[in-house]
Amino acid sequence: MRAFVLILKTLWSPGSAFREIRESRTGPWIPFLVFIALGVSSTYLLTSRIDFGEALMREVLRGPQAGDMSLDDMNALRETFNNPYVTAGLYMASLWWVGVSLPVATLYYLIFLMVGSRAGFMRFWSVTAFAFTPILVAGVAGLGVMYTIPPSAFSLGQMNVLSAAVFMDPQAESGALYALAQATSLTTIWILALLTIGYGVLTPKRIGAATRAVIVVIPWLFVVATRVLPALIF
């Protein structure tokens, strides 16, 4: 039960929460269960409320590639989107955090190990898991938005309510700007801040907050570049 409280505590008292995670050796398993529950339930509610194939088609039609598609192409694509395997893939995609947490924690563990950390890997993994709590906030907010918009007008991008991209038209904005807005959501910035605070309880005091912030942000900038540069080039 304490682990559930710590998930919420990271939102209003992250320093205290991460110190308690360190001292109690709380593992990443409870956050995993919460993320899985939210991912599965939100996907079920999404596919129950809207025609997922139609929603995906609206996303495609908003993009620049729509002008090159014939009516037959659109019908074929709609049938593809309504395939049960696509729905199954959506459920799997909703559990992305469980798969991403291990490489993220491993990356930061190795980086901080090189600059003087002596904390064990499991503590880094636990802190990383709890630092992703803002995804829960964004997920719940996205579900609220989903139920306030008519299904026929709903866009998948509107689920990411903590991103400036939700207010942008992909057709009116440059692809690079739209990709940048998606990558720099409030959720992402919030997570980066929590990672900086969380890793602070696992590293020597000589590694200040500014240094930790730089270490945390640099890998994220590479991820942003992989999303923005293709849009700039193509």
C-alpha atoms as a PDB file:
ATOM      1  CA  MET A   1       0.000   0.000   0.000  1.00  0.00           C
ATOM      2  CA  ARG A   2       2.877   2.373   0.797  1.00  0.00           C
ATOM      3  CA  ALA A   3       4.130   2.120  -2.791  1.00  0.00           C
ATOM      4  CA  PHE A   4       0.784   3.429  -4.075  1.00  0.00           C
ATOM      5  CA  VAL A   5       1.101   6.423  -1.730  1.00  0.00           C
ATOM      6  CA  LEU A   6       4.642   7.039  -2.983  1.00  0.00           C
ATOM      7  CA  ILE A   7       3.397   7.179  -6.567  1.00  0.00           C
ATOM      8  CA  LEU A   8       1.181  10.128  -5.649  1.00  0.00           C
ATOM      9  CA  LYS A   9       3.751  11.639  -3.293  1.00  0.00           C
ATOM     10  CA  THR A  10       6.200  12.084  -6.183  1.00  0.00           C
ATOM     11  CA  LEU A  11       3.770  14.702  -7.542  1.00  0.00           C
ATOM     12  CA  TRP A  12       3.725  17.042  -4.528  1.00  0.00           C
ATOM     13  CA  SER A  13       6.849  16.102  -2.525  1.00  0.00           C
ATOM     14  CA  PRO A  14       9.250  14.365  -4.915  1.00  0.00           C
ATOM     15  CA  GLY A  15      12.408  14.807  -2.835  1.00  0.00           C
ATOM     16  CA  SER A  16      10.847  13.185   0.211  1.00  0.00           C
ATOM     17  CA  ALA A  17       9.260  10.451  -1.904  1.00  0.00           C
ATOM     18  CA  PHE A  18      12.509   9.508  -3.631  1.00  0.00           C
ATOM     19  CA  ARG A  19      14.414   9.430  -0.343  1.00  0.00           C
ATOM     20  CA  GLU A  20      11.815   7.067   1.059  1.00  0.00           C
ATOM     21  CA  ILE A  21      12.062   4.905  -2.085  1.00  0.00           C
ATOM     22  CA  ARG A  22      15.833   4.754  -1.587  1.00  0.00           C
ATOM     23  CA  GLU A  23      15.689   3.912   2.114  1.00  0.00           C
ATOM     24  CA  SER A  24      12.850   1.382   1.885  1.00  0.00           C
ATOM     25  CA  ARG A  25      14.316  -0.259  -1.229  1.00  0.00           C
ATOM     26  CA  THR A  26      10.904  -0.024  -2.885  1.00  0.00           C
ATOM     27  CA  GLY A  27      10.992  -1.766  -6.262  1.00  0.00           C
ATOM     28  CA  PRO A  28       9.495  -0.653  -9.581  1.00  0.00           C
ATOM     29  CA  TRP A  29       6.793  -3.332  -9.582  1.00  0.00           C
ATOM     30  CA  ILE A  30       3.845  -1.350  -8.194  1.00  0.00           C
ATOM     31  CA  PRO A  31       4.327   1.512 -10.710  1.00  0.00           C
ATOM     32  CA  PHE A  32       4.456  -1.148 -13.417  1.00  0.00           C
ATOM     33  CA  LEU A  33       1.098  -2.567 -12.306  1.00  0.00           C
ATOM     34  CA  VAL A  34      -0.466   0.899 -12.190  1.00  0.00           C
ATOM     35  CA  PHE A  35       0.823   1.783 -15.670  1.00  0.00           C
ATOM     36  CA  ILE A  36      -0.401  -1.530 -17.065  1.00  0.00           C
ATOM     37  CA  ALA A  37      -3.837  -1.037 -15.506  1.00  0.00           C
ATOM     38  CA  LEU A  38      -4.112   2.499 -16.884  1.00  0.00           C
ATOM     39  CA  GLY A  39      -2.850   1.461 -20.332  1.00  0.00           C
ATOM     40  CA  VAL A  40      -5.241  -1.462 -20.705  1.00  0.00           C
ATOM     41  CA  SER A  41      -8.271   0.358 -19.279  1.00  0.00           C
ATOM     42  CA  SER A  42      -7.700   3.532 -21.330  1.00  0.00           C
ATOM     43  CA  THR A  43      -7.257   1.495 -24.519  1.00  0.00           C
ATOM     44  CA  TYR A  44     -10.449  -0.417 -23.793  1.00  0.00           C
ATOM     45  CA  LEU A  45     -12.388   2.800 -23.167  1.00  0.00           C
ATOM     46  CA  LEU A  46     -10.894   4.385 -26.289  1.00  0.00           C
ATOM     47  CA  THR A  47     -11.790   1.508 -28.610  1.00  0.00           C
ATOM     48  CA  SER A  48     -15.235   1.178 -27.011  1.00  0.00           C
ATOM     49  CA  ARG A  49     -16.143   4.839 -27.474  1.00  0.00           C
ATOM     50  CA  ILE A  50     -14.784   5.590 -30.939  1.00  0.00           C
ATOM     51  CA  ASP A  51     -14.316   3.819 -34.254  1.00  0.00           C
ATOM     52  CA  PHE A  52     -10.573   3.410 -34.046  1.00  0.00           C
ATOM     53  CA  GLY A  53     -10.196   2.817 -37.775  1.00  0.00           C
ATOM     54  CA  GLU A  54     -12.014   6.053 -38.557  1.00  0.00           C
ATOM     55  CA  ALA A  55      -9.961   7.945 -35.976  1.00  0.00           C
ATOM     56  CA  LEU A  56      -6.727   6.730 -37.562  1.00  0.00           C
ATOM     57  CA  MET A  57      -8.037   7.661 -40.995  1.00  0.00           C
ATOM     58  CA  ARG A  58      -8.703  11.206 -39.794  1.00  0.00           C
ATOM     59  CA  GLU A  59      -5.114  11.375 -38.589  1.00  0.00           C
ATOM     60  CA  VAL A  60      -3.858  10.275 -42.002  1.00  0.00           C
ATOM     61  CA  LEU A  61      -6.129  12.714 -43.837  1.00  0.00           C
ATOM     62  CA  ARG A  62      -4.770  15.580 -41.754  1.00  0.00           C
ATOM     63  CA  GLY A  63      -1.242  14.796 -42.915  1.00  0.00           C
ATOM     64  CA  PRO A  64       0.508  15.844 -46.131  1.00  0.00           C
ATOM     65  CA  GLN A  65       0.342  12.342 -47.612  1.00  0.00           C
ATOM     66  CA  ALA A  66      -3.452  12.522 -47.925  1.00  0.00           C
ATOM     67  CA  GLY A  67      -3.266  14.430 -51.203  1.00  0.00           C
ATOM     68  CA  ASP A  68      -1.595  11.470 -52.940  1.00  0.00           C
ATOM     69  CA  MET A  69      -4.202   8.918 -51.856  1.00  0.00           C
ATOM     70  CA  SER A  70      -7.045   7.701 -54.050  1.00  0.00           C
ATOM     71  CA  LEU A  71     -10.455   6.650 -52.736  1.00  0.00           C
ATOM     72  CA  ASP A  72      -9.469   2.989 -53.130  1.00  0.00           C
ATOM     73  CA  ASP A  73      -6.301   3.637 -51.146  1.00  0.00           C
ATOM     74  CA  MET A  74      -8.316   5.209 -48.353  1.00  0.00           C
ATOM     75  CA  ASN A  75     -10.790   2.316 -48.234  1.00  0.00           C
ATOM     76  CA  ALA A  76      -7.959  -0.215 -48.151  1.00  0.00           C
ATOM     77  CA  LEU A  77      -6.231   1.698 -45.369  1.00  0.00           C
ATOM     78  CA  ARG A  78      -9.460   1.924 -43.380  1.00  0.00           C
ATOM     79  CA  GLU A  79      -9.882  -1.865 -43.583  1.00  0.00           C
ATOM     80  CA  THR A  80      -6.314  -2.305 -42.427  1.00  0.00           C
ATOM     81  CA  PHE A  81      -6.880  -0.067 -39.413  1.00  0.00           C
ATOM     82  CA  ASN A  82      -9.981  -2.026 -38.441  1.00  0.00           C
ATOM     83  CA  ASN A  83      -7.979  -5.264 -38.366  1.00  0.00           C
ATOM     84  CA  PRO A  84      -8.043  -6.998 -34.944  1.00  0.00           C
ATOM     85  CA  TYR A  85      -4.261  -7.184 -35.044  1.00  0.00           C
ATOM     86  CA  VAL A  86      -4.116  -3.389 -35.090  1.00  0.00           C
ATOM     87  CA  THR A  87      -6.261  -3.274 -31.953  1.00  0.00           C
ATOM     88  CA  ALA A  88      -4.023  -5.856 -30.301  1.00  0.00           C
ATOM     89  CA  GLY A  89      -1.027  -3.739 -31.272  1.00  0.00           C
ATOM     90  CA  LEU A  90      -2.708  -0.732 -29.667  1.00  0.00           C
ATOM     91  CA  TYR A  91      -3.007  -2.628 -26.385  1.00  0.00           C
ATOM     92  CA  MET A  92       0.667  -3.577 -26.576  1.00  0.00           C
ATOM     93  CA  ALA A  93       1.666   0.018 -27.377  1.00  0.00           C
ATOM     94  CA  SER A  94      -0.226   1.228 -24.301  1.00  0.00           C
ATOM     95  CA  LEU A  95       2.247  -0.744 -22.171  1.00  0.00           C
ATOM     96  CA  TRP A  96       5.281   1.000 -23.677  1.00  0.00           C
ATOM     97  CA  TRP A  97       6.563   2.273 -20.331  1.00  0.00           C
ATOM     98  CA  VAL A  98       7.165  -1.240 -18.979  1.00  0.00           C
ATOM     99  CA  GLY A  99       9.489  -1.939 -21.906  1.00  0.00           C
ATOM    100  CA  VAL A 100      11.142   1.484 -21.949  1.00  0.00           C
ATOM    101  CA  SER A 101      11.922   1.703 -18.237  1.00  0.00           C
ATOM    102  CA  LEU A 102      14.721  -0.867 -18.290  1.00  0.00           C
ATOM    103  CA  PRO A 103      16.887   0.749 -21.014  1.00  0.00           C
ATOM    104  CA  VAL A 104      16.226   4.248 -19.600  1.00  0.00           C
ATOM    105  CA  ALA A 105      17.248   3.185 -16.102  1.00  0.00           C
ATOM    106  CA  THR A 106      20.270   1.299 -17.474  1.00  0.00           C
ATOM    107  CA  LEU A 107      21.445   4.312 -19.462  1.00  0.00           C
ATOM    108  CA  TYR A 108      21.298   6.719 -16.531  1.00  0.00           C
ATOM    109  CA  TYR A 109      22.737   4.142 -14.128  1.00  0.00           C
ATOM    110  CA  LEU A 110      25.819   3.754 -16.328  1.00  0.00           C
ATOM    111  CA  ILE A 111      26.211   7.512 -16.829  1.00  0.00           C
ATOM    112  CA  PHE A 112      25.974   8.328 -13.123  1.00  0.00           C
ATOM    113  CA  LEU A 113      28.189   5.367 -12.273  1.00  0.00           C
ATOM    114  CA  MET A 114      30.929   6.982 -14.350  1.00  0.00           C
ATOM    115  CA  VAL A 115      30.578  10.292 -12.471  1.00  0.00           C
ATOM    116  CA  GLY A 116      30.707   8.773  -9.000  1.00  0.00           C
ATOM    117  CA  SER A 117      27.388   7.140  -8.049  1.00  0.00           C
ATOM    118  CA  ARG A 118      27.576   3.994  -5.917  1.00  0.00           C
ATOM    119  CA  ALA A 119      23.849   3.244  -5.769  1.00  0.00           C
ATOM    120  CA  GLY A 120      22.693  -0.134  -7.048  1.00  0.00           C
ATOM    121  CA  PHE A 121      20.907  -0.609 -10.346  1.00  0.00           C
ATOM    122  CA  MET A 122      17.585  -1.604  -8.759  1.00  0.00           C
ATOM    123  CA  ARG A 123      17.419   1.747  -6.952  1.00  0.00           C
ATOM    124  CA  PHE A 124      17.939   3.559 -10.247  1.00  0.00           C
ATOM    125  CA  TRP A 125      15.243   1.425 -11.855  1.00  0.00           C
ATOM    126  CA  SER A 126      12.814   2.162  -9.012  1.00  0.00           C
ATOM    127  CA  VAL A 127      13.448   5.909  -9.096  1.00  0.00           C
ATOM    128  CA  THR A 128      13.028   5.899 -12.882  1.00  0.00           C
ATOM    129  CA  ALA A 129       9.720   4.050 -12.595  1.00  0.00           C
ATOM    130  CA  PHE A 130       8.289   6.428 -10.006  1.00  0.00           C
ATOM    131  CA  ALA A 131       9.543   9.470 -11.946  1.00  0.00           C
ATOM    132  CA  PHE A 132       7.182   8.587 -14.779  1.00  0.00           C
ATOM    133  CA  THR A 133       4.136   9.248 -12.587  1.00  0.00           C
ATOM    134  CA  PRO A 134       3.152  12.330 -14.698  1.00  0.00           C
ATOM    135  CA  ILE A 135       2.142   9.877 -17.436  1.00  0.00           C
ATOM    136  CA  LEU A 136      -0.702   8.819 -15.141  1.00  0.00           C
ATOM    137  CA  VAL A 137      -1.824  12.433 -14.819  1.00  0.00           C
ATOM    138  CA  ALA A 138      -1.675  12.909 -18.594  1.00  0.00           C
ATOM    139  CA  GLY A 139      -3.505   9.623 -19.166  1.00  0.00           C
ATOM    140  CA  VAL A 140      -6.372  10.498 -16.847  1.00  0.00           C
ATOM    141  CA  ALA A 141      -6.614  13.990 -18.373  1.00  0.00           C
ATOM    142  CA  GLY A 142      -6.671  12.458 -21.847  1.00  0.00           C
ATOM    143  CA  LEU A 143      -9.556  10.194 -20.883  1.00  0.00           C
ATOM    144  CA  GLY A 144     -11.456  13.223 -19.605  1.00  0.00           C
ATOM    145  CA  VAL A 145     -10.947  14.979 -22.933  1.00  0.00           C
ATOM    146  CA  MET A 146     -12.049  11.879 -24.818  1.00  0.00           C
ATOM    147  CA  TYR A 147     -15.422  11.948 -23.063  1.00  0.00           C
ATOM    148  CA  THR A 148     -15.997  15.661 -23.708  1.00  0.00           C
ATOM    149  CA  ILE A 149     -15.479  15.506 -27.479  1.00  0.00           C
ATOM    150  CA  PRO A 150     -18.022  13.872 -29.830  1.00  0.00           C
ATOM    151  CA  PRO A 151     -16.618  10.552 -31.149  1.00  0.00           C
ATOM    152  CA  SER A 152     -17.000  11.728 -34.752  1.00  0.00           C
ATOM    153  CA  ALA A 153     -14.745  14.717 -34.092  1.00  0.00           C
ATOM    154  CA  PHE A 154     -12.236  13.026 -31.824  1.00  0.00           C
ATOM    155  CA  SER A 155      -8.551  13.053 -32.808  1.00  0.00           C
ATOM    156  CA  LEU A 156      -5.960  10.772 -31.240  1.00  0.00           C
ATOM    157  CA  GLY A 157      -3.641  13.727 -30.776  1.00  0.00           C
ATOM    158  CA  GLN A 158      -6.177  15.238 -28.366  1.00  0.00           C
ATOM    159  CA  MET A 159      -5.324  12.526 -25.833  1.00  0.00           C
ATOM    160  CA  ASN A 160      -1.975  14.244 -25.281  1.00  0.00           C
ATOM    161  CA  VAL A 161      -3.585  17.186 -23.535  1.00  0.00           C
ATOM    162  CA  LEU A 162      -0.361  18.353 -21.858  1.00  0.00           C
ATOM    163  CA  SER A 163       1.317  19.047 -25.192  1.00  0.00           C
ATOM    164  CA  ALA A 164       1.129  22.219 -27.271  1.00  0.00           C
ATOM    165  CA  ALA A 165       0.639  19.952 -30.295  1.00  0.00           C
ATOM    166  CA  VAL A 166      -2.977  19.407 -29.268  1.00  0.00           C
ATOM    167  CA  PHE A 167      -3.680  23.028 -30.251  1.00  0.00           C
ATOM    168  CA  MET A 168      -1.832  22.789 -33.581  1.00  0.00           C
ATOM    169  CA  ASP A 169      -3.017  21.770 -37.029  1.00  0.00           C
ATOM    170  CA  PRO A 170      -0.470  19.384 -38.630  1.00  0.00           C
ATOM    171  CA  GLN A 171      -1.428  20.674 -42.067  1.00  0.00           C
ATOM    172  CA  ALA A 172      -0.924  24.315 -41.148  1.00  0.00           C
ATOM    173  CA  GLU A 173       2.329  23.901 -39.206  1.00  0.00           C
ATOM    174  CA  SER A 174       5.690  22.667 -40.420  1.00  0.00           C
ATOM    175  CA  GLY A 175       6.358  19.007 -39.710  1.00  0.00           C
ATOM    176  CA  ALA A 176       9.448  19.831 -37.646  1.00  0.00           C
ATOM    177  CA  LEU A 177       7.576  22.321 -35.437  1.00  0.00           C
ATOM    178  CA  TYR A 178       4.731  19.853 -34.875  1.00  0.00           C
ATOM    179  CA  ALA A 179       7.185  17.060 -33.987  1.00  0.00           C
ATOM    180  CA  LEU A 180       9.002  19.399 -31.592  1.00  0.00           C
ATOM    181  CA  ALA A 181       5.726  20.344 -29.889  1.00  0.00           C
ATOM    182  CA  GLN A 182       4.888  16.666 -29.412  1.00  0.00           C
ATOM    183  CA  ALA A 183       8.321  15.880 -27.984  1.00  0.00           C
ATOM    184  CA  THR A 184       8.397  18.810 -25.545  1.00  0.00           C
ATOM    185  CA  SER A 185       5.118  18.265 -23.773  1.00  0.00           C
ATOM    186  CA  LEU A 186       4.569  19.364 -20.185  1.00  0.00           C
ATOM    187  CA  THR A 187       4.496  15.675 -19.273  1.00  0.00           C
ATOM    188  CA  THR A 188       8.003  15.143 -20.657  1.00  0.00           C
ATOM    189  CA  ILE A 189       9.421  18.225 -18.949  1.00  0.00           C
ATOM    190  CA  TRP A 190       7.792  17.157 -15.688  1.00  0.00           C
ATOM    191  CA  ILE A 191       9.342  13.688 -15.976  1.00  0.00           C
ATOM    192  CA  LEU A 192      12.785  15.152 -16.695  1.00  0.00           C
ATOM    193  CA  ALA A 193      12.481  17.318 -13.571  1.00  0.00           C
ATOM    194  CA  LEU A 194      11.491  14.306 -11.449  1.00  0.00           C
ATOM    195  CA  LEU A 195      14.384  12.256 -12.828  1.00  0.00           C
ATOM    196  CA  THR A 196      16.758  15.072 -11.911  1.00  0.00           C
ATOM    197  CA  ILE A 197      15.383  15.196  -8.366  1.00  0.00           C
ATOM    198  CA  GLY A 198      15.195  11.422  -8.023  1.00  0.00           C
ATOM    199  CA  TYR A 199      18.736  10.734  -9.153  1.00  0.00           C
ATOM    200  CA  GLY A 200      19.865  13.380  -6.671  1.00  0.00           C
ATOM    201  CA  VAL A 201      19.144  10.989  -3.780  1.00  0.00           C
ATOM    202  CA  LEU A 202      21.306   8.310  -5.439  1.00  0.00           C
ATOM    203  CA  THR A 203      24.369  10.383  -6.321  1.00  0.00           C
ATOM    204  CA  PRO A 204      27.080  12.175  -4.303  1.00  0.00           C
ATOM    205  CA  LYS A 205      26.291  15.705  -3.119  1.00  0.00           C
ATOM    206  CA  ARG A 206      29.177  17.059  -5.198  1.00  0.00           C
ATOM    207  CA  ILE A 207      27.064  16.321  -8.299  1.00  0.00           C
ATOM    208  CA  GLY A 208      24.825  19.373  -8.115  1.00  0.00           C
ATOM    209  CA  ALA A 209      21.309  19.820  -9.448  1.00  0.00           C
ATOM    210  CA  ALA A 210      22.518  21.695 -12.537  1.00  0.00           C
ATOM    211  CA  THR A 211      24.937  18.891 -13.444  1.00  0.00           C
ATOM    212  CA  ARG A 212      22.256  16.249 -12.928  1.00  0.00           C
ATOM    213  CA  ALA A 213      19.827  18.227 -15.071  1.00  0.00           C
ATOM    214  CA  VAL A 214      22.329  18.386 -17.929  1.00  0.00           C
ATOM    215  CA  ILE A 215      23.015  14.653 -17.671  1.00  0.00           C
ATOM    216  CA  VAL A 216      19.279  13.885 -17.709  1.00  0.00           C
ATOM    217  CA  VAL A 217      18.424  16.266 -20.550  1.00  0.00           C
ATOM    218  CA  ILE A 218      21.173  15.343 -23.035  1.00  0.00           C
ATOM    219  CA  PRO A 219      19.837  11.833 -23.882  1.00  0.00           C
ATOM    220  CA  TRP A 220      16.351  13.324 -24.239  1.00  0.00           C
ATOM    221  CA  LEU A 221      17.697  15.893 -26.718  1.00  0.00           C
ATOM    222  CA  PHE A 222      18.993  13.053 -28.862  1.00  0.00           C
ATOM    223  CA  VAL A 223      15.509  11.504 -28.823  1.00  0.00           C
ATOM    224  CA  VAL A 224      13.976  14.855 -29.816  1.00  0.00           C
ATOM    225  CA  ALA A 225      16.494  15.148 -32.650  1.00  0.00           C
ATOM    226  CA  THR A 226      15.481  11.747 -34.034  1.00  0.00           C
ATOM    227  CA  ARG A 227      11.887  13.024 -34.260  1.00  0.00           C
ATOM    228  CA  VAL A 228      12.538  16.534 -35.533  1.00  0.00           C
ATOM    229  CA  LEU A 229      15.388  16.013 -38.023  1.00  0.00           C
ATOM    230  CA  PRO A 230      13.467  13.612 -40.319  1.00  0.00           C
ATOM    231  CA  ALA A 231      10.660  16.187 -40.494  1.00  0.00           C
ATOM    232  CA  LEU A 232      13.204  18.869 -41.426  1.00  0.00           C
ATOM    233  CA  ILE A 233      14.833  16.703 -44.100  1.00  0.00           C
ATOM    234  CA  PHE A 234      11.762  15.134 -45.659  1.00  0.00           C
END
